[in-house]
């Protein structure tokens, strides 16, 4: 899933529960959003 894109206390807690370690990876989030919006632009725009 894309839970790593969520922000806030709920998301932080959920990442811990799911075993996501190492904290937030800002570069991965940025790349994921770029790909998501690129898909939207290509197929829905």
PDB file of N, CA and C in Angstrom:
ATOM      1  N   UNK A   1       0.801  -1.182   0.000  1.00  0.00           N
ATOM      2  CA  UNK A   1       0.000   0.000   0.000  1.00  0.00           C
ATOM      3  C   UNK A   1       0.847   1.250   0.000  1.00  0.00           C
ATOM      4  N   UNK A   2       0.163   2.333   0.085  1.00  0.00           N
ATOM      5  CA  UNK A   2       0.812   3.639   0.072  1.00  0.00           C
ATOM      6  C   UNK A   2       0.744   4.318   1.431  1.00  0.00           C
ATOM      7  N   UNK A   3       0.714   3.530   2.489  1.00  0.00           N
ATOM      8  CA  UNK A   3       0.618   4.099   3.837  1.00  0.00           C
ATOM      9  C   UNK A   3       1.801   4.999   4.155  1.00  0.00           C
ATOM     10  N   UNK A   4       2.940   4.758   3.520  1.00  0.00           N
ATOM     11  CA  UNK A   4       4.104   5.589   3.802  1.00  0.00           C
ATOM     12  C   UNK A   4       3.909   7.025   3.340  1.00  0.00           C
ATOM     13  N   UNK A   5       2.892   7.271   2.507  1.00  0.00           N
ATOM     14  CA  UNK A   5       2.610   8.625   2.042  1.00  0.00           C
ATOM     15  C   UNK A   5       1.778   9.424   3.038  1.00  0.00           C
ATOM     16  N   UNK A   6       1.118   8.743   3.951  1.00  0.00           N
ATOM     17  CA  UNK A   6       0.270   9.421   4.924  1.00  0.00           C
ATOM     18  C   UNK A   6       1.104  10.153   5.958  1.00  0.00           C
ATOM     19  N   UNK A   7       0.522  11.211   6.513  1.00  0.00           N
ATOM     20  CA  UNK A   7       1.196  11.993   7.538  1.00  0.00           C
ATOM     21  C   UNK A   7       0.323  12.057   8.780  1.00  0.00           C
ATOM     22  N   UNK A   8       0.914  12.452   9.875  1.00  0.00           N
ATOM     23  CA  UNK A   8       0.165  12.603  11.113  1.00  0.00           C
ATOM     24  C   UNK A   8       0.425  11.472  12.090  1.00  0.00           C
ATOM     25  N   UNK A   9      -0.112  11.624  13.292  1.00  0.00           N
ATOM     26  CA  UNK A   9       0.120  10.661  14.367  1.00  0.00           C
ATOM     27  C   UNK A   9      -0.394   9.270  14.008  1.00  0.00           C
ATOM     28  N   UNK A  10      -1.592   9.188  13.409  1.00  0.00           N
ATOM     29  CA  UNK A  10      -2.149   7.887  13.034  1.00  0.00           C
ATOM     30  C   UNK A  10      -1.199   7.152  12.090  1.00  0.00           C
ATOM     31  N   UNK A  11      -0.684   7.871  11.107  1.00  0.00           N
ATOM     32  CA  UNK A  11       0.207   7.256  10.126  1.00  0.00           C
ATOM     33  C   UNK A  11       1.515   6.801  10.768  1.00  0.00           C
ATOM     34  N   UNK A  12       2.043   7.608  11.667  1.00  0.00           N
ATOM     35  CA  UNK A  12       3.273   7.236  12.363  1.00  0.00           C
ATOM     36  C   UNK A  12       3.073   5.956  13.156  1.00  0.00           C
ATOM     37  N   UNK A  13       1.970   5.879  13.875  1.00  0.00           N
ATOM     38  CA  UNK A  13       1.673   4.686  14.667  1.00  0.00           C
ATOM     39  C   UNK A  13       1.485   3.463  13.760  1.00  0.00           C
ATOM     40  N   UNK A  14       0.784   3.632  12.664  1.00  0.00           N
ATOM     41  CA  UNK A  14       0.526   2.519  11.745  1.00  0.00           C
ATOM     42  C   UNK A  14       1.829   2.002  11.137  1.00  0.00           C
ATOM     43  N   UNK A  15       2.743   2.901  10.773  1.00  0.00           N
ATOM     44  CA  UNK A  15       4.031   2.464  10.233  1.00  0.00           C
ATOM     45  C   UNK A  15       4.786   1.628  11.257  1.00  0.00           C
ATOM     46  N   UNK A  16       4.724   2.025  12.520  1.00  0.00           N
ATOM     47  CA  UNK A  16       5.376   1.242  13.579  1.00  0.00           C
ATOM     48  C   UNK A  16       4.746  -0.139  13.686  1.00  0.00           C
ATOM     49  N   UNK A  17       3.414  -0.194  13.658  1.00  0.00           N
ATOM     50  CA  UNK A  17       2.704  -1.475  13.752  1.00  0.00           C
ATOM     51  C   UNK A  17       3.056  -2.397  12.588  1.00  0.00           C
ATOM     52  N   UNK A  18       3.253  -1.822  11.413  1.00  0.00           N
ATOM     53  CA  UNK A  18       3.541  -2.612  10.218  1.00  0.00           C
ATOM     54  C   UNK A  18       5.021  -2.937  10.061  1.00  0.00           C
ATOM     55  N   UNK A  19       5.830  -2.435  10.979  1.00  0.00           N
ATOM     56  CA  UNK A  19       7.246  -2.758  10.946  1.00  0.00           C
ATOM     57  C   UNK A  19       8.090  -1.879  10.051  1.00  0.00           C
ATOM     58  N   UNK A  20       7.547  -0.738   9.640  1.00  0.00           N
ATOM     59  CA  UNK A  20       8.345   0.197   8.854  1.00  0.00           C
ATOM     60  C   UNK A  20       9.323   0.869   9.808  1.00  0.00           C
ATOM     61  N   UNK A  21      10.586   0.637   9.618  1.00  0.00           N
ATOM     62  CA  UNK A  21      11.593   1.180  10.528  1.00  0.00           C
ATOM     63  C   UNK A  21      12.462   2.197   9.796  1.00  0.00           C
ATOM     64  N   UNK A  22      13.166   2.992  10.551  1.00  0.00           N
ATOM     65  CA  UNK A  22      14.099   3.933   9.949  1.00  0.00           C
ATOM     66  C   UNK A  22      13.537   5.321   9.745  1.00  0.00           C
ATOM     67  N   UNK A  23      12.313   5.545  10.131  1.00  0.00           N
ATOM     68  CA  UNK A  23      11.750   6.881   9.993  1.00  0.00           C
ATOM     69  C   UNK A  23      11.232   7.169   8.600  1.00  0.00           C
ATOM     70  N   UNK A  24      10.934   8.417   8.396  1.00  0.00           N
ATOM     71  CA  UNK A  24      10.326   8.867   7.153  1.00  0.00           C
ATOM     72  C   UNK A  24      11.391   9.046   6.074  1.00  0.00           C
ATOM     73  N   UNK A  25      11.086   8.607   4.864  1.00  0.00           N
ATOM     74  CA  UNK A  25      11.992   8.771   3.736  1.00  0.00           C
ATOM     75  C   UNK A  25      11.371   9.790   2.784  1.00  0.00           C
ATOM     76  N   UNK A  26      11.792  11.028   2.937  1.00  0.00           N
ATOM     77  CA  UNK A  26      11.205  12.130   2.179  1.00  0.00           C
ATOM     78  C   UNK A  26      11.395  11.941   0.676  1.00  0.00           C
ATOM     79  N   UNK A  27      12.553  11.474   0.261  1.00  0.00           N
ATOM     80  CA  UNK A  27      12.809  11.280  -1.171  1.00  0.00           C
ATOM     81  C   UNK A  27      11.891  10.218  -1.773  1.00  0.00           C
ATOM     82  N   UNK A  28      11.635   9.151  -1.039  1.00  0.00           N
ATOM     83  CA  UNK A  28      10.725   8.107  -1.528  1.00  0.00           C
ATOM     84  C   UNK A  28       9.312   8.643  -1.659  1.00  0.00           C
ATOM     85  N   UNK A  29       8.892   9.442  -0.692  1.00  0.00           N
ATOM     86  CA  UNK A  29       7.555  10.036  -0.759  1.00  0.00           C
ATOM     87  C   UNK A  29       7.432  10.968  -1.958  1.00  0.00           C
ATOM     88  N   UNK A  30       8.454  11.781  -2.176  1.00  0.00           N
ATOM     89  CA  UNK A  30       8.436  12.712  -3.307  1.00  0.00           C
ATOM     90  C   UNK A  30       8.349  11.957  -4.629  1.00  0.00           C
ATOM     91  N   UNK A  31       9.164  10.925  -4.781  1.00  0.00           N
ATOM     92  CA  UNK A  31       9.158  10.129  -6.007  1.00  0.00           C
ATOM     93  C   UNK A  31       7.808   9.443  -6.214  1.00  0.00           C
ATOM     94  N   UNK A  32       7.241   8.908  -5.145  1.00  0.00           N
ATOM     95  CA  UNK A  32       5.942   8.238  -5.253  1.00  0.00           C
ATOM     96  C   UNK A  32       4.862   9.206  -5.718  1.00  0.00           C
ATOM     97  N   UNK A  33       4.829  10.404  -5.117  1.00  0.00           N
ATOM     98  CA  UNK A  33       3.819  11.384  -5.532  1.00  0.00           C
ATOM     99  C   UNK A  33       4.025  11.797  -6.986  1.00  0.00           C
ATOM    100  N   UNK A  34       5.261  11.966  -7.413  1.00  0.00           N
ATOM    101  CA  UNK A  34       5.532  12.310  -8.812  1.00  0.00           C
ATOM    102  C   UNK A  34       5.004  11.230  -9.748  1.00  0.00           C
ATOM    103  N   UNK A  35       5.206   9.977  -9.384  1.00  0.00           N
ATOM    104  CA  UNK A  35       4.731   8.874 -10.226  1.00  0.00           C
ATOM    105  C   UNK A  35       3.210   8.788 -10.234  1.00  0.00           C
ATOM    106  N   UNK A  36       2.593   9.001  -9.089  1.00  0.00           N
ATOM    107  CA  UNK A  36       1.130   8.966  -9.007  1.00  0.00           C
ATOM    108  C   UNK A  36       0.530  10.057  -9.880  1.00  0.00           C
ATOM    109  N   UNK A  37       1.013  11.290  -9.735  1.00  0.00           N
ATOM    110  CA  UNK A  37       0.465  12.387 -10.528  1.00  0.00           C
ATOM    111  C   UNK A  37       0.831  12.250 -12.000  1.00  0.00           C
ATOM    112  N   UNK A  38       1.983  11.660 -12.302  1.00  0.00           N
ATOM    113  CA  UNK A  38       2.333  11.386 -13.690  1.00  0.00           C
ATOM    114  C   UNK A  38       1.355  10.409 -14.323  1.00  0.00           C
ATOM    115  N   UNK A  39       0.971   9.380 -13.567  1.00  0.00           N
ATOM    116  CA  UNK A  39      -0.028   8.421 -14.035  1.00  0.00           C
ATOM    117  C   UNK A  39      -1.361   9.121 -14.278  1.00  0.00           C
ATOM    118  N   UNK A  40      -1.778   9.946 -13.316  1.00  0.00           N
ATOM    119  CA  UNK A  40      -3.040  10.676 -13.466  1.00  0.00           C
ATOM    120  C   UNK A  40      -3.006  11.557 -14.710  1.00  0.00           C
ATOM    121  N   UNK A  41      -1.916  12.294 -14.901  1.00  0.00           N
ATOM    122  CA  UNK A  41      -1.805  13.173 -16.066  1.00  0.00           C
ATOM    123  C   UNK A  41      -1.873  12.385 -17.370  1.00  0.00           C
ATOM    124  N   UNK A  42      -1.209  11.249 -17.401  1.00  0.00           N
ATOM    125  CA  UNK A  42      -1.145  10.455 -18.627  1.00  0.00           C
ATOM    126  C   UNK A  42      -2.475   9.789 -18.961  1.00  0.00           C
ATOM    127  N   UNK A  43      -3.128   9.213 -17.949  1.00  0.00           N
ATOM    128  CA  UNK A  43      -4.305   8.397 -18.218  1.00  0.00           C
ATOM    129  C   UNK A  43      -5.635   9.055 -17.876  1.00  0.00           C
ATOM    130  N   UNK A  44      -5.606  10.095 -17.082  1.00  0.00           N
ATOM    131  CA  UNK A  44      -6.862  10.727 -16.672  1.00  0.00           C
ATOM    132  C   UNK A  44      -6.953  12.189 -17.082  1.00  0.00           C
ATOM    133  N   UNK A  45      -5.851  12.748 -17.552  1.00  0.00           N
ATOM    134  CA  UNK A  45      -5.795  14.180 -17.840  1.00  0.00           C
ATOM    135  C   UNK A  45      -6.350  14.588 -19.152  1.00  0.00           C
TER     136      UNK A  45
END
